[in-house]
PDB file of N, CA and C in Angstrom:
ATOM      1  N   MET A   1     107.013  70.972 104.070  1.00  0.00           N
ATOM      2  CA  MET A   1     106.360  71.917 103.276  1.00  0.00           C
ATOM      3  C   MET A   1     106.738  73.103 103.804  1.00  0.00           C
ATOM      4  N   ALA A   2     107.348  74.008 103.355  1.00  0.00           N
ATOM      5  CA  ALA A   2     107.665  75.430 103.790  1.00  0.00           C
ATOM      6  C   ALA A   2     106.713  76.141 104.019  1.00  0.00           C
ATOM      7  N   LYS A   3     106.255  77.124 105.127  1.00  0.00           N
ATOM      8  CA  LYS A   3     104.925  77.815 105.207  1.00  0.00           C
ATOM      9  C   LYS A   3     105.714  79.107 104.230  1.00  0.00           C
ATOM     10  N   GLU A   4     104.267  79.948 103.691  1.00  0.00           N
ATOM     11  CA  GLU A   4     104.288  80.711 102.907  1.00  0.00           C
ATOM     12  C   GLU A   4     104.489  81.997 103.639  1.00  0.00           C
ATOM     13  N   LYS A   5     105.608  82.468 103.096  1.00  0.00           N
ATOM     14  CA  LYS A   5     105.861  83.970 103.301  1.00  0.00           C
ATOM     15  C   LYS A   5     104.925  84.874 103.355  1.00  0.00           C
ATOM     16  N   LYS A   6     104.893  85.700 104.573  1.00  0.00           N
ATOM     17  CA  LYS A   6     103.729  86.661 104.656  1.00  0.00           C
ATOM     18  C   LYS A   6     104.440  87.984 104.135  1.00  0.00           C
ATOM     19  N   LYS A   7     103.713  88.756 103.539  1.00  0.00           N
ATOM     20  CA  LYS A   7     103.819  89.963 102.506  1.00  0.00           C
ATOM     21  C   LYS A   7     103.526  91.177 103.500  1.00  0.00           C
ATOM     22  N   ILE A   8     104.235  91.967 103.997  1.00  0.00           N
ATOM     23  CA  ILE A   8     104.224  93.383 104.455  1.00  0.00           C
ATOM     24  C   ILE A   8     104.413  94.482 103.304  1.00  0.00           C
ATOM     25  N   LEU A   9     103.456  95.318 103.294  1.00  0.00           N
ATOM     26  CA  LEU A   9     103.394  96.546 102.514  1.00  0.00           C
ATOM     27  C   LEU A   9     103.886  97.496 103.355  1.00  0.00           C
ATOM     28  N   ILE A  10     104.667  98.468 103.090  1.00  0.00           N
ATOM     29  CA  ILE A  10     105.151  99.792 103.803  1.00  0.00           C
ATOM     30  C   ILE A  10     104.586 100.830 102.803  1.00  0.00           C
ATOM     31  N   ILE A  11     103.787 101.844 103.403  1.00  0.00           N
ATOM     32  CA  ILE A  11     103.339 103.020 102.577  1.00  0.00           C
ATOM     33  C   ILE A  11     104.025 104.231 103.343  1.00  0.00           C
ATOM     34  N   GLU A  12     105.399 104.462 102.938  1.00  0.00           N
ATOM     35  CA  GLU A  12     106.130 105.464 103.581  1.00  0.00           C
ATOM     36  C   GLU A  12     107.156 106.067 102.460  1.00  0.00           C
ATOM     37  N   ASP A  13     107.042 107.876 102.721  1.00  0.00           N
ATOM     38  CA  ASP A  13     107.916 108.396 101.702  1.00  0.00           C
ATOM     39  C   ASP A  13     109.159 108.651 102.338  1.00  0.00           C
ATOM     40  N   ASP A  14     109.676 108.295 103.545  1.00  0.00           N
ATOM     41  CA  ASP A  14     111.263 108.190 103.851  1.00  0.00           C
ATOM     42  C   ASP A  14     111.888 107.245 103.507  1.00  0.00           C
ATOM     43  N   GLU A  15     112.737 107.340 102.353  1.00  0.00           N
ATOM     44  CA  GLU A  15     113.357 106.533 102.196  1.00  0.00           C
ATOM     45  C   GLU A  15     114.632 105.276 103.382  1.00  0.00           C
ATOM     46  N   PHE A  16     114.706 106.407 104.133  1.00  0.00           N
ATOM     47  CA  PHE A  16     115.884 105.834 105.251  1.00  0.00           C
ATOM     48  C   PHE A  16     114.824 105.001 106.245  1.00  0.00           C
ATOM     49  N   VAL A  17     113.552 105.205 106.291  1.00  0.00           N
ATOM     50  CA  VAL A  17     112.464 104.459 107.320  1.00  0.00           C
ATOM     51  C   VAL A  17     112.340 103.002 106.433  1.00  0.00           C
ATOM     52  N   ARG A  18     112.120 103.373 105.192  1.00  0.00           N
ATOM     53  CA  ARG A  18     111.794 102.006 104.247  1.00  0.00           C
ATOM     54  C   ARG A  18     112.869 101.129 104.334  1.00  0.00           C
ATOM     55  N   LYS A  19     114.264 101.691 103.987  1.00  0.00           N
ATOM     56  CA  LYS A  19     115.340 100.677 104.192  1.00  0.00           C
ATOM     57  C   LYS A  19     115.163  99.865 105.223  1.00  0.00           C
ATOM     58  N   LEU A  20     115.070 100.498 106.536  1.00  0.00           N
ATOM     59  CA  LEU A  20     115.330  99.728 107.865  1.00  0.00           C
ATOM     60  C   LEU A  20     114.411  98.794 107.824  1.00  0.00           C
ATOM     61  N   TYR A  21     113.228  99.313 107.747  1.00  0.00           N
ATOM     62  CA  TYR A  21     112.292  98.374 107.555  1.00  0.00           C
ATOM     63  C   TYR A  21     112.091  97.032 106.811  1.00  0.00           C
ATOM     64  N   ARG A  22     112.480  97.376 105.552  1.00  0.00           N
ATOM     65  CA  ARG A  22     112.941  96.365 104.446  1.00  0.00           C
ATOM     66  C   ARG A  22     113.924  95.248 104.939  1.00  0.00           C
ATOM     67  N   GLU A  23     114.954  96.011 105.491  1.00  0.00           N
ATOM     68  CA  GLU A  23     116.031  94.967 106.157  1.00  0.00           C
ATOM     69  C   GLU A  23     115.757  94.085 107.149  1.00  0.00           C
ATOM     70  N   GLN A  24     115.051  94.488 107.883  1.00  0.00           N
ATOM     71  CA  GLN A  24     114.788  93.791 109.182  1.00  0.00           C
ATOM     72  C   GLN A  24     113.557  92.945 109.020  1.00  0.00           C
ATOM     73  N   LEU A  25     112.806  93.256 108.100  1.00  0.00           N
ATOM     74  CA  LEU A  25     111.311  92.521 107.767  1.00  0.00           C
ATOM     75  C   LEU A  25     111.777  91.425 107.073  1.00  0.00           C
ATOM     76  N   GLN A  26     112.718  91.656 106.117  1.00  0.00           N
ATOM     77  CA  GLN A  26     113.288  90.318 105.361  1.00  0.00           C
ATOM     78  C   GLN A  26     113.889  89.621 105.926  1.00  0.00           C
ATOM     79  N   HIS A  27     115.217  90.047 106.741  1.00  0.00           N
ATOM     80  CA  HIS A  27     115.752  89.246 107.627  1.00  0.00           C
ATOM     81  C   HIS A  27     114.963  88.393 108.605  1.00  0.00           C
ATOM     82  N   GLU A  28     113.911  88.896 108.938  1.00  0.00           N
ATOM     83  CA  GLU A  28     112.687  88.050 109.755  1.00  0.00           C
ATOM     84  C   GLU A  28     111.881  87.207 109.093  1.00  0.00           C
ATOM     85  N   GLY A  29     112.110  87.045 107.761  1.00  0.00           N
ATOM     86  CA  GLY A  29     111.386  85.937 106.804  1.00  0.00           C
ATOM     87  C   GLY A  29     110.428  86.443 105.945  1.00  0.00           C
ATOM     88  N   PHE A  30     110.070  88.060 106.029  1.00  0.00           N
ATOM     89  CA  PHE A  30     108.782  88.314 105.445  1.00  0.00           C
ATOM     90  C   PHE A  30     109.107  88.878 103.890  1.00  0.00           C
ATOM     91  N   ASP A  31     108.054  88.714 103.091  1.00  0.00           N
ATOM     92  CA  ASP A  31     108.211  89.528 101.748  1.00  0.00           C
ATOM     93  C   ASP A  31     107.795  90.801 102.124  1.00  0.00           C
ATOM     94  N   PHE A  32     108.424  91.775 100.956  1.00  0.00           N
ATOM     95  CA  PHE A  32     108.313  93.304 101.361  1.00  0.00           C
ATOM     96  C   PHE A  32     107.970  93.872 100.149  1.00  0.00           C
ATOM     97  N   VAL A  33     106.944  94.670 100.041  1.00  0.00           N
ATOM     98  CA  VAL A  33     106.549  95.817  99.063  1.00  0.00           C
ATOM     99  C   VAL A  33     106.601  97.286  99.469  1.00  0.00           C
ATOM    100  N   GLU A  34     106.978  98.105  98.904  1.00  0.00           N
ATOM    101  CA  GLU A  34     107.112  99.327  99.115  1.00  0.00           C
ATOM    102  C   GLU A  34     106.066 100.380  98.288  1.00  0.00           C
ATOM    103  N   ALA A  35     105.800 101.278  98.777  1.00  0.00           N
ATOM    104  CA  ALA A  35     105.011 102.550  98.286  1.00  0.00           C
ATOM    105  C   ALA A  35     105.593 103.780  98.716  1.00  0.00           C
ATOM    106  N   ILE A  36     105.432 104.808  97.805  1.00  0.00           N
ATOM    107  CA  ILE A  36     106.396 106.071  98.332  1.00  0.00           C
ATOM    108  C   ILE A  36     105.152 107.041  98.583  1.00  0.00           C
ATOM    109  N   ASN A  37     103.961 106.838  98.294  1.00  0.00           N
ATOM    110  CA  ASN A  37     103.201 107.871  98.300  1.00  0.00           C
ATOM    111  C   ASN A  37     101.621 107.167  98.771  1.00  0.00           C
ATOM    112  N   GLY A  38     100.897 107.831  98.876  1.00  0.00           N
ATOM    113  CA  GLY A  38      99.528 107.271  99.432  1.00  0.00           C
ATOM    114  C   GLY A  38      98.692 106.480  98.126  1.00  0.00           C
ATOM    115  N   VAL A  39      98.613 107.360  97.118  1.00  0.00           N
ATOM    116  CA  VAL A  39      98.100 106.877  95.520  1.00  0.00           C
ATOM    117  C   VAL A  39      98.678 105.596  95.050  1.00  0.00           C
ATOM    118  N   GLU A  40     100.036 105.484  95.281  1.00  0.00           N
ATOM    119  CA  GLU A  40     100.724 103.998  95.017  1.00  0.00           C
ATOM    120  C   GLU A  40     100.633 103.087  96.107  1.00  0.00           C
ATOM    121  N   GLY A  41     100.369 103.436  97.205  1.00  0.00           N
ATOM    122  CA  GLY A  41     100.095 102.499  98.523  1.00  0.00           C
ATOM    123  C   GLY A  41      98.624 101.928  98.119  1.00  0.00           C
ATOM    124  N   VAL A  42      97.856 102.620  97.829  1.00  0.00           N
ATOM    125  CA  VAL A  42      96.382 102.168  97.778  1.00  0.00           C
ATOM    126  C   VAL A  42      96.237 101.079  96.406  1.00  0.00           C
ATOM    127  N   GLU A  43      97.031 101.556  95.432  1.00  0.00           N
ATOM    128  CA  GLU A  43      97.266 100.648  94.279  1.00  0.00           C
ATOM    129  C   GLU A  43      97.765  99.466  94.621  1.00  0.00           C
ATOM    130  N   LYS A  44      99.033  99.207  95.463  1.00  0.00           N
ATOM    131  CA  LYS A  44      99.873  98.220  95.817  1.00  0.00           C
ATOM    132  C   LYS A  44      99.098  97.216  96.795  1.00  0.00           C
ATOM    133  N   ALA A  45      98.408  97.614  97.197  1.00  0.00           N
ATOM    134  CA  ALA A  45      97.501  97.102  98.585  1.00  0.00           C
ATOM    135  C   ALA A  45      96.274  96.242  97.738  1.00  0.00           C
ATOM    136  N   ARG A  46      95.918  96.803  96.461  1.00  0.00           N
ATOM    137  CA  ARG A  46      94.988  96.359  95.396  1.00  0.00           C
ATOM    138  C   ARG A  46      95.833  95.234  94.721  1.00  0.00           C
ATOM    139  N   SER A  47      96.881  95.199  94.478  1.00  0.00           N
ATOM    140  CA  SER A  47      97.501  94.487  93.236  1.00  0.00           C
ATOM    141  C   SER A  47      98.193  93.362  93.985  1.00  0.00           C
ATOM    142  N   GLU A  48      98.956  93.938  95.329  1.00  0.00           N
ATOM    143  CA  GLU A  48      99.642  92.606  95.855  1.00  0.00           C
ATOM    144  C   GLU A  48      98.953  92.186  96.990  1.00  0.00           C
ATOM    145  N   HIS A  49      97.955  92.309  97.515  1.00  0.00           N
ATOM    146  CA  HIS A  49      97.216  91.570  98.636  1.00  0.00           C
ATOM    147  C   HIS A  49      98.221  91.666  99.645  1.00  0.00           C
ATOM    148  N   PRO A  50      98.543  92.258 100.050  1.00  0.00           N
ATOM    149  CA  PRO A  50      99.689  92.012 101.394  1.00  0.00           C
ATOM    150  C   PRO A  50      98.915  91.367 102.635  1.00  0.00           C
ATOM    151  N   ASP A  51      99.667  90.661 103.372  1.00  0.00           N
ATOM    152  CA  ASP A  51      98.893  90.231 104.751  1.00  0.00           C
ATOM    153  C   ASP A  51      98.884  91.485 105.652  1.00  0.00           C
ATOM    154  N   LEU A  52      99.676  92.191 105.723  1.00  0.00           N
ATOM    155  CA  LEU A  52      99.694  93.489 106.481  1.00  0.00           C
ATOM    156  C   LEU A  52     100.077  94.755 106.096  1.00  0.00           C
ATOM    157  N   ILE A  53      99.787  95.720 106.144  1.00  0.00           N
ATOM    158  CA  ILE A  53     100.164  96.967 105.842  1.00  0.00           C
ATOM    159  C   ILE A  53     100.633  98.070 107.251  1.00  0.00           C
ATOM    160  N   LEU A  54     101.684  98.456 106.903  1.00  0.00           N
ATOM    161  CA  LEU A  54     102.214  99.508 107.657  1.00  0.00           C
ATOM    162  C   LEU A  54     102.224 100.912 106.971  1.00  0.00           C
ATOM    163  N   LEU A  55     101.407 102.085 107.739  1.00  0.00           N
ATOM    164  CA  LEU A  55     101.044 103.115 106.894  1.00  0.00           C
ATOM    165  C   LEU A  55     101.725 104.423 107.721  1.00  0.00           C
ATOM    166  N   ASP A  56     102.052 105.302 106.732  1.00  0.00           N
ATOM    167  CA  ASP A  56     102.640 106.461 107.434  1.00  0.00           C
ATOM    168  C   ASP A  56     101.255 107.344 107.113  1.00  0.00           C
ATOM    169  N   LEU A  57     101.284 108.577 108.044  1.00  0.00           N
ATOM    170  CA  LEU A  57     100.040 109.220 107.374  1.00  0.00           C
ATOM    171  C   LEU A  57     100.517 110.546 106.993  1.00  0.00           C
ATOM    172  N   MET A  58     101.827 111.104 107.037  1.00  0.00           N
ATOM    173  CA  MET A  58     102.241 112.314 106.269  1.00  0.00           C
ATOM    174  C   MET A  58     102.930 111.898 105.013  1.00  0.00           C
ATOM    175  N   LEU A  59     101.886 111.693 103.771  1.00  0.00           N
ATOM    176  CA  LEU A  59     102.714 111.112 102.617  1.00  0.00           C
ATOM    177  C   LEU A  59     102.220 112.340 101.662  1.00  0.00           C
ATOM    178  N   PRO A  60     103.220 111.994 100.354  1.00  0.00           N
ATOM    179  CA  PRO A  60     102.623 113.255  99.151  1.00  0.00           C
ATOM    180  C   PRO A  60     101.451 112.329  98.509  1.00  0.00           C
ATOM    181  N   LYS A  61     100.756 113.014  97.709  1.00  0.00           N
ATOM    182  CA  LYS A  61      99.900 112.793  96.773  1.00  0.00           C
ATOM    183  C   LYS A  61      98.553 112.253  97.230  1.00  0.00           C
ATOM    184  N   MET A  62      98.769 111.640  98.483  1.00  0.00           N
ATOM    185  CA  MET A  62      97.263 111.044  99.232  1.00  0.00           C
ATOM    186  C   MET A  62      97.677 110.988 100.664  1.00  0.00           C
ATOM    187  N   ASN A  63      97.382 111.787 101.594  1.00  0.00           N
ATOM    188  CA  ASN A  63      97.670 111.427 102.918  1.00  0.00           C
ATOM    189  C   ASN A  63      97.334 110.001 103.419  1.00  0.00           C
ATOM    190  N   GLY A  64      97.903 109.710 104.743  1.00  0.00           N
ATOM    191  CA  GLY A  64      97.634 108.403 105.118  1.00  0.00           C
ATOM    192  C   GLY A  64      96.086 108.221 105.347  1.00  0.00           C
ATOM    193  N   PHE A  65      95.352 109.031 106.042  1.00  0.00           N
ATOM    194  CA  PHE A  65      94.064 109.069 106.475  1.00  0.00           C
ATOM    195  C   PHE A  65      93.198 108.949 105.163  1.00  0.00           C
ATOM    196  N   ASP A  66      93.327 109.419 104.106  1.00  0.00           N
ATOM    197  CA  ASP A  66      92.650 109.321 102.864  1.00  0.00           C
ATOM    198  C   ASP A  66      93.138 107.537 102.279  1.00  0.00           C
ATOM    199  N   ALA A  67      94.222 107.385 102.339  1.00  0.00           N
ATOM    200  CA  ALA A  67      94.675 105.966 102.085  1.00  0.00           C
ATOM    201  C   ALA A  67      93.971 105.177 102.750  1.00  0.00           C
ATOM    202  N   LEU A  68      93.893 105.126 103.825  1.00  0.00           N
ATOM    203  CA  LEU A  68      93.007 104.232 104.812  1.00  0.00           C
ATOM    204  C   LEU A  68      91.740 104.252 104.551  1.00  0.00           C
ATOM    205  N   VAL A  69      91.216 105.479 104.045  1.00  0.00           N
ATOM    206  CA  VAL A  69      89.635 105.345 103.952  1.00  0.00           C
ATOM    207  C   VAL A  69      89.726 104.540 102.622  1.00  0.00           C
ATOM    208  N   GLU A  70      90.521 104.636 101.624  1.00  0.00           N
ATOM    209  CA  GLU A  70      90.472 103.938 100.266  1.00  0.00           C
ATOM    210  C   GLU A  70      90.482 102.428 100.379  1.00  0.00           C
ATOM    211  N   ILE A  71      91.649 102.398 101.362  1.00  0.00           N
ATOM    212  CA  ILE A  71      91.923 100.644 101.351  1.00  0.00           C
ATOM    213  C   ILE A  71      90.708  99.650 102.294  1.00  0.00           C
ATOM    214  N   LYS A  72      89.952 100.543 103.259  1.00  0.00           N
ATOM    215  CA  LYS A  72      89.003 100.142 104.016  1.00  0.00           C
ATOM    216  C   LYS A  72      87.517 100.075 103.470  1.00  0.00           C
ATOM    217  N   ASP A  73      87.211 100.897 102.534  1.00  0.00           N
ATOM    218  CA  ASP A  73      86.163 100.998 101.560  1.00  0.00           C
ATOM    219  C   ASP A  73      86.027  99.989 100.543  1.00  0.00           C
ATOM    220  N   ASP A  74      87.499  99.434 100.199  1.00  0.00           N
ATOM    221  CA  ASP A  74      87.335  98.375  99.001  1.00  0.00           C
ATOM    222  C   ASP A  74      87.418  97.062  99.369  1.00  0.00           C
ATOM    223  N   LYS A  75      86.372  96.574  98.872  1.00  0.00           N
ATOM    224  CA  LYS A  75      85.849  94.867  99.239  1.00  0.00           C
ATOM    225  C   LYS A  75      87.091  94.180  99.205  1.00  0.00           C
ATOM    226  N   THR A  76      87.988  93.971  98.387  1.00  0.00           N
ATOM    227  CA  THR A  76      89.214  93.266  98.365  1.00  0.00           C
ATOM    228  C   THR A  76      90.495  93.619  99.307  1.00  0.00           C
ATOM    229  N   THR A  77      90.402  94.914  99.566  1.00  0.00           N
ATOM    230  CA  THR A  77      91.428  95.117 100.744  1.00  0.00           C
ATOM    231  C   THR A  77      90.857  95.394 102.252  1.00  0.00           C
ATOM    232  N   LYS A  78      89.763  95.581 102.239  1.00  0.00           N
ATOM    233  CA  LYS A  78      89.079  96.134 103.682  1.00  0.00           C
ATOM    234  C   LYS A  78      89.468  94.998 104.903  1.00  0.00           C
ATOM    235  N   ASN A  79      89.692  93.929 104.579  1.00  0.00           N
ATOM    236  CA  ASN A  79      90.366  93.087 105.693  1.00  0.00           C
ATOM    237  C   ASN A  79      91.872  93.018 106.084  1.00  0.00           C
ATOM    238  N   ILE A  80      92.388  93.750 105.397  1.00  0.00           N
ATOM    239  CA  ILE A  80      94.042  93.430 105.514  1.00  0.00           C
ATOM    240  C   ILE A  80      94.086  94.683 106.790  1.00  0.00           C
ATOM    241  N   PRO A  81      94.952  93.975 107.961  1.00  0.00           N
ATOM    242  CA  PRO A  81      95.149  94.572 108.863  1.00  0.00           C
ATOM    243  C   PRO A  81      96.221  95.930 108.486  1.00  0.00           C
ATOM    244  N   ILE A  82      95.882  96.955 109.308  1.00  0.00           N
ATOM    245  CA  ILE A  82      96.695  98.097 108.776  1.00  0.00           C
ATOM    246  C   ILE A  82      97.345  98.481 110.190  1.00  0.00           C
ATOM    247  N   PHE A  83      98.545  99.057 110.380  1.00  0.00           N
ATOM    248  CA  PHE A  83      99.348  99.503 111.627  1.00  0.00           C
ATOM    249  C   PHE A  83      99.712 100.719 111.115  1.00  0.00           C
ATOM    250  N   VAL A  84      99.301 101.841 111.876  1.00  0.00           N
ATOM    251  CA  VAL A  84      99.794 103.298 111.455  1.00  0.00           C
ATOM    252  C   VAL A  84     100.906 103.589 112.383  1.00  0.00           C
ATOM    253  N   LEU A  85     102.077 103.897 111.531  1.00  0.00           N
ATOM    254  CA  LEU A  85     103.478 104.306 111.808  1.00  0.00           C
ATOM    255  C   LEU A  85     103.812 105.370 111.816  1.00  0.00           C
ATOM    256  N   SER A  86     103.603 106.329 112.467  1.00  0.00           N
ATOM    257  CA  SER A  86     103.793 108.015 111.960  1.00  0.00           C
ATOM    258  C   SER A  86     104.370 108.831 113.062  1.00  0.00           C
ATOM    259  N   ASN A  87     104.775 109.987 113.043  1.00  0.00           N
ATOM    260  CA  ASN A  87     105.304 110.787 113.591  1.00  0.00           C
ATOM    261  C   ASN A  87     104.413 111.634 114.456  1.00  0.00           C
ATOM    262  N   LEU A  88     103.049 111.495 114.039  1.00  0.00           N
ATOM    263  CA  LEU A  88     101.918 112.317 114.603  1.00  0.00           C
ATOM    264  C   LEU A  88     101.388 111.816 115.936  1.00  0.00           C
ATOM    265  N   GLY A  89     101.602 112.272 116.859  1.00  0.00           N
ATOM    266  CA  GLY A  89     101.501 111.721 118.236  1.00  0.00           C
ATOM    267  C   GLY A  89     100.206 112.452 119.111  1.00  0.00           C
ATOM    268  N   GLN A  90      99.166 113.229 118.319  1.00  0.00           N
ATOM    269  CA  GLN A  90      98.112 113.894 118.905  1.00  0.00           C
ATOM    270  C   GLN A  90      97.157 112.869 119.119  1.00  0.00           C
ATOM    271  N   GLN A  91      96.572 112.725 120.317  1.00  0.00           N
ATOM    272  CA  GLN A  91      95.223 111.891 120.551  1.00  0.00           C
ATOM    273  C   GLN A  91      94.348 112.305 119.405  1.00  0.00           C
ATOM    274  N   SER A  92      94.143 113.108 118.883  1.00  0.00           N
ATOM    275  CA  SER A  92      92.955 113.096 117.918  1.00  0.00           C
ATOM    276  C   SER A  92      93.341 112.407 116.436  1.00  0.00           C
ATOM    277  N   ASP A  93      94.814 112.650 116.483  1.00  0.00           N
ATOM    278  CA  ASP A  93      95.203 111.616 114.897  1.00  0.00           C
ATOM    279  C   ASP A  93      94.812 110.124 115.330  1.00  0.00           C
ATOM    280  N   MET A  94      95.040 109.740 116.625  1.00  0.00           N
ATOM    281  CA  MET A  94      94.967 108.502 116.813  1.00  0.00           C
ATOM    282  C   MET A  94      93.503 107.836 116.940  1.00  0.00           C
ATOM    283  N   GLN A  95      93.105 108.690 117.596  1.00  0.00           N
ATOM    284  CA  GLN A  95      91.605 108.662 117.567  1.00  0.00           C
ATOM    285  C   GLN A  95      90.511 108.425 115.993  1.00  0.00           C
ATOM    286  N   ILE A  96      91.276 109.354 115.110  1.00  0.00           N
ATOM    287  CA  ILE A  96      90.540 109.277 114.043  1.00  0.00           C
ATOM    288  C   ILE A  96      91.151 107.811 113.118  1.00  0.00           C
ATOM    289  N   ALA A  97      92.579 107.578 112.962  1.00  0.00           N
ATOM    290  CA  ALA A  97      92.920 106.462 112.534  1.00  0.00           C
ATOM    291  C   ALA A  97      92.234 105.218 113.230  1.00  0.00           C
ATOM    292  N   LEU A  98      92.191 105.265 114.437  1.00  0.00           N
ATOM    293  CA  LEU A  98      91.533 103.783 114.807  1.00  0.00           C
ATOM    294  C   LEU A  98      89.927 104.161 114.268  1.00  0.00           C
ATOM    295  N   ALA A  99      89.217 105.005 114.464  1.00  0.00           N
ATOM    296  CA  ALA A  99      88.044 105.293 113.870  1.00  0.00           C
ATOM    297  C   ALA A  99      87.872 104.530 112.265  1.00  0.00           C
ATOM    298  N   LEU A 100      88.666 105.063 111.635  1.00  0.00           N
ATOM    299  CA  LEU A 100      88.773 104.835 110.131  1.00  0.00           C
ATOM    300  C   LEU A 100      89.159 103.257 110.087  1.00  0.00           C
ATOM    301  N   GLY A 101      89.786 102.412 111.224  1.00  0.00           N
ATOM    302  CA  GLY A 101      89.913 101.112 110.890  1.00  0.00           C
ATOM    303  C   GLY A 101      91.120 100.680 111.047  1.00  0.00           C
ATOM    304  N   THR A 102      92.423 101.194 111.625  1.00  0.00           N
ATOM    305  CA  THR A 102      93.728 100.705 111.644  1.00  0.00           C
ATOM    306  C   THR A 102      93.442 100.000 113.141  1.00  0.00           C
ATOM    307  N   GLU A 103      94.717  99.083 112.935  1.00  0.00           N
ATOM    308  CA  GLU A 103      94.378  98.024 114.286  1.00  0.00           C
ATOM    309  C   GLU A 103      95.375  98.278 115.132  1.00  0.00           C
ATOM    310  N   ASP A 104      96.407  99.313 114.910  1.00  0.00           N
ATOM    311  CA  ASP A 104      97.678  99.737 115.939  1.00  0.00           C
ATOM    312  C   ASP A 104      97.989 101.274 115.437  1.00  0.00           C
ATOM    313  N   TYR A 105      98.402 101.691 116.433  1.00  0.00           N
ATOM    314  CA  TYR A 105      98.934 102.996 115.763  1.00  0.00           C
ATOM    315  C   TYR A 105     100.222 103.293 116.782  1.00  0.00           C
ATOM    316  N   LEU A 106     101.410 103.316 115.948  1.00  0.00           N
ATOM    317  CA  LEU A 106     102.626 103.228 116.447  1.00  0.00           C
ATOM    318  C   LEU A 106     103.289 104.594 116.297  1.00  0.00           C
ATOM    319  N   ILE A 107     103.560 105.334 117.403  1.00  0.00           N
ATOM    320  CA  ILE A 107     104.553 106.627 116.874  1.00  0.00           C
ATOM    321  C   ILE A 107     105.953 106.131 116.768  1.00  0.00           C
ATOM    322  N   LYS A 108     106.632 106.290 115.759  1.00  0.00           N
ATOM    323  CA  LYS A 108     107.696 105.993 115.422  1.00  0.00           C
ATOM    324  C   LYS A 108     108.952 106.431 116.405  1.00  0.00           C
ATOM    325  N   SER A 109     108.727 107.720 116.896  1.00  0.00           N
ATOM    326  CA  SER A 109     109.808 107.568 118.094  1.00  0.00           C
ATOM    327  C   SER A 109     109.663 107.145 119.263  1.00  0.00           C
ATOM    328  N   ASP A 110     108.353 106.598 119.500  1.00  0.00           N
ATOM    329  CA  ASP A 110     108.300 105.593 120.770  1.00  0.00           C
ATOM    330  C   ASP A 110     108.326 104.171 120.541  1.00  0.00           C
ATOM    331  N   HIS A 111     108.381 103.555 119.290  1.00  0.00           N
ATOM    332  CA  HIS A 111     108.513 102.352 119.427  1.00  0.00           C
ATOM    333  C   HIS A 111     109.971 101.948 118.607  1.00  0.00           C
ATOM    334  N   ARG A 112     110.659 100.764 119.089  1.00  0.00           N
ATOM    335  CA  ARG A 112     111.614 100.291 118.429  1.00  0.00           C
ATOM    336  C   ARG A 112     111.317  99.579 117.293  1.00  0.00           C
ATOM    337  N   LEU A 113     111.955  99.657 116.354  1.00  0.00           N
ATOM    338  CA  LEU A 113     111.973  98.812 115.210  1.00  0.00           C
ATOM    339  C   LEU A 113     111.550  97.407 115.814  1.00  0.00           C
ATOM    340  N   SER A 114     112.553  96.627 116.690  1.00  0.00           N
ATOM    341  CA  SER A 114     112.177  95.186 117.090  1.00  0.00           C
ATOM    342  C   SER A 114     110.685  95.084 117.753  1.00  0.00           C
ATOM    343  N   GLU A 115     110.079  96.104 118.182  1.00  0.00           N
ATOM    344  CA  GLU A 115     108.815  96.089 119.017  1.00  0.00           C
ATOM    345  C   GLU A 115     107.808  96.045 117.916  1.00  0.00           C
ATOM    346  N   VAL A 116     107.948  96.660 116.976  1.00  0.00           N
ATOM    347  CA  VAL A 116     107.006  96.893 115.505  1.00  0.00           C
ATOM    348  C   VAL A 116     106.918  95.324 114.914  1.00  0.00           C
ATOM    349  N   VAL A 117     108.138  94.890 114.938  1.00  0.00           N
ATOM    350  CA  VAL A 117     108.253  93.472 114.393  1.00  0.00           C
ATOM    351  C   VAL A 117     107.575  92.432 115.094  1.00  0.00           C
ATOM    352  N   LYS A 118     107.617  92.612 116.317  1.00  0.00           N
ATOM    353  CA  LYS A 118     107.035  91.966 117.232  1.00  0.00           C
ATOM    354  C   LYS A 118     105.651  91.806 117.284  1.00  0.00           C
ATOM    355  N   ARG A 119     105.007  93.033 116.844  1.00  0.00           N
ATOM    356  CA  ARG A 119     103.620  93.353 116.885  1.00  0.00           C
ATOM    357  C   ARG A 119     103.218  92.781 115.717  1.00  0.00           C
ATOM    358  N   ILE A 120     104.074  93.051 114.603  1.00  0.00           N
ATOM    359  CA  ILE A 120     103.688  92.394 113.616  1.00  0.00           C
ATOM    360  C   ILE A 120     103.335  90.737 113.479  1.00  0.00           C
ATOM    361  N   LYS A 121     104.510  90.042 113.953  1.00  0.00           N
ATOM    362  CA  LYS A 121     104.581  88.615 114.048  1.00  0.00           C
ATOM    363  C   LYS A 121     103.419  88.256 115.061  1.00  0.00           C
ATOM    364  N   LYS A 122     103.156  88.693 115.918  1.00  0.00           N
ATOM    365  CA  LYS A 122     101.723  88.384 116.978  1.00  0.00           C
ATOM    366  C   LYS A 122     100.552  88.691 116.028  1.00  0.00           C
ATOM    367  N   ARG A 123     100.373  89.699 115.402  1.00  0.00           N
ATOM    368  CA  ARG A 123      99.133  89.866 114.753  1.00  0.00           C
ATOM    369  C   ARG A 123      98.998  88.740 113.190  1.00  0.00           C
ATOM    370  N   LEU A 124      99.963  88.463 112.942  1.00  0.00           N
ATOM    371  CA  LEU A 124     100.030  87.341 111.808  1.00  0.00           C
ATOM    372  C   LEU A 124     100.194  86.026 112.347  1.00  0.00           C
ATOM    373  N   GLY A 125     100.142  85.602 113.511  1.00  0.00           N
ATOM    374  CA  GLY A 125     100.464  84.615 114.224  1.00  0.00           C
ATOM    375  C   GLY A 125     101.709  83.606 113.978  1.00  0.00           C
ATOM    376  N   GLN A 126     102.782  84.411 114.293  1.00  0.00           N
ATOM    377  CA  GLN A 126     103.965  83.773 113.861  1.00  0.00           C
ATOM    378  C   GLN A 126     104.963  84.012 115.366  1.00  0.00           C
TER     379      GLN A 126
END
């Protein structure tokens, strides 16, 4: 019996970043869902029930902090692990995101895609 594919939701407004992650994660055997703003991201978290969410903080319509709060406040999505993937490297941003319930905080410029994939696999037990 084939194991069920794990589903990753990326909430990211940068098309280039989404494409990179989509190609790599699909290559690694994950299902992949995308949202281009915070509002759409919260809706897809509720409708798609992903196994993990990659969340940018600088988003149109609703920023990543607000999306994080909405996802963690909803009983249907609160247990989904969230990794923040951001260009915001301030200690204060990290502390806020961690206090709001993100499990990992990755600064885009500091982490290669392969390293992010490795962390996702480790978190999902793959």
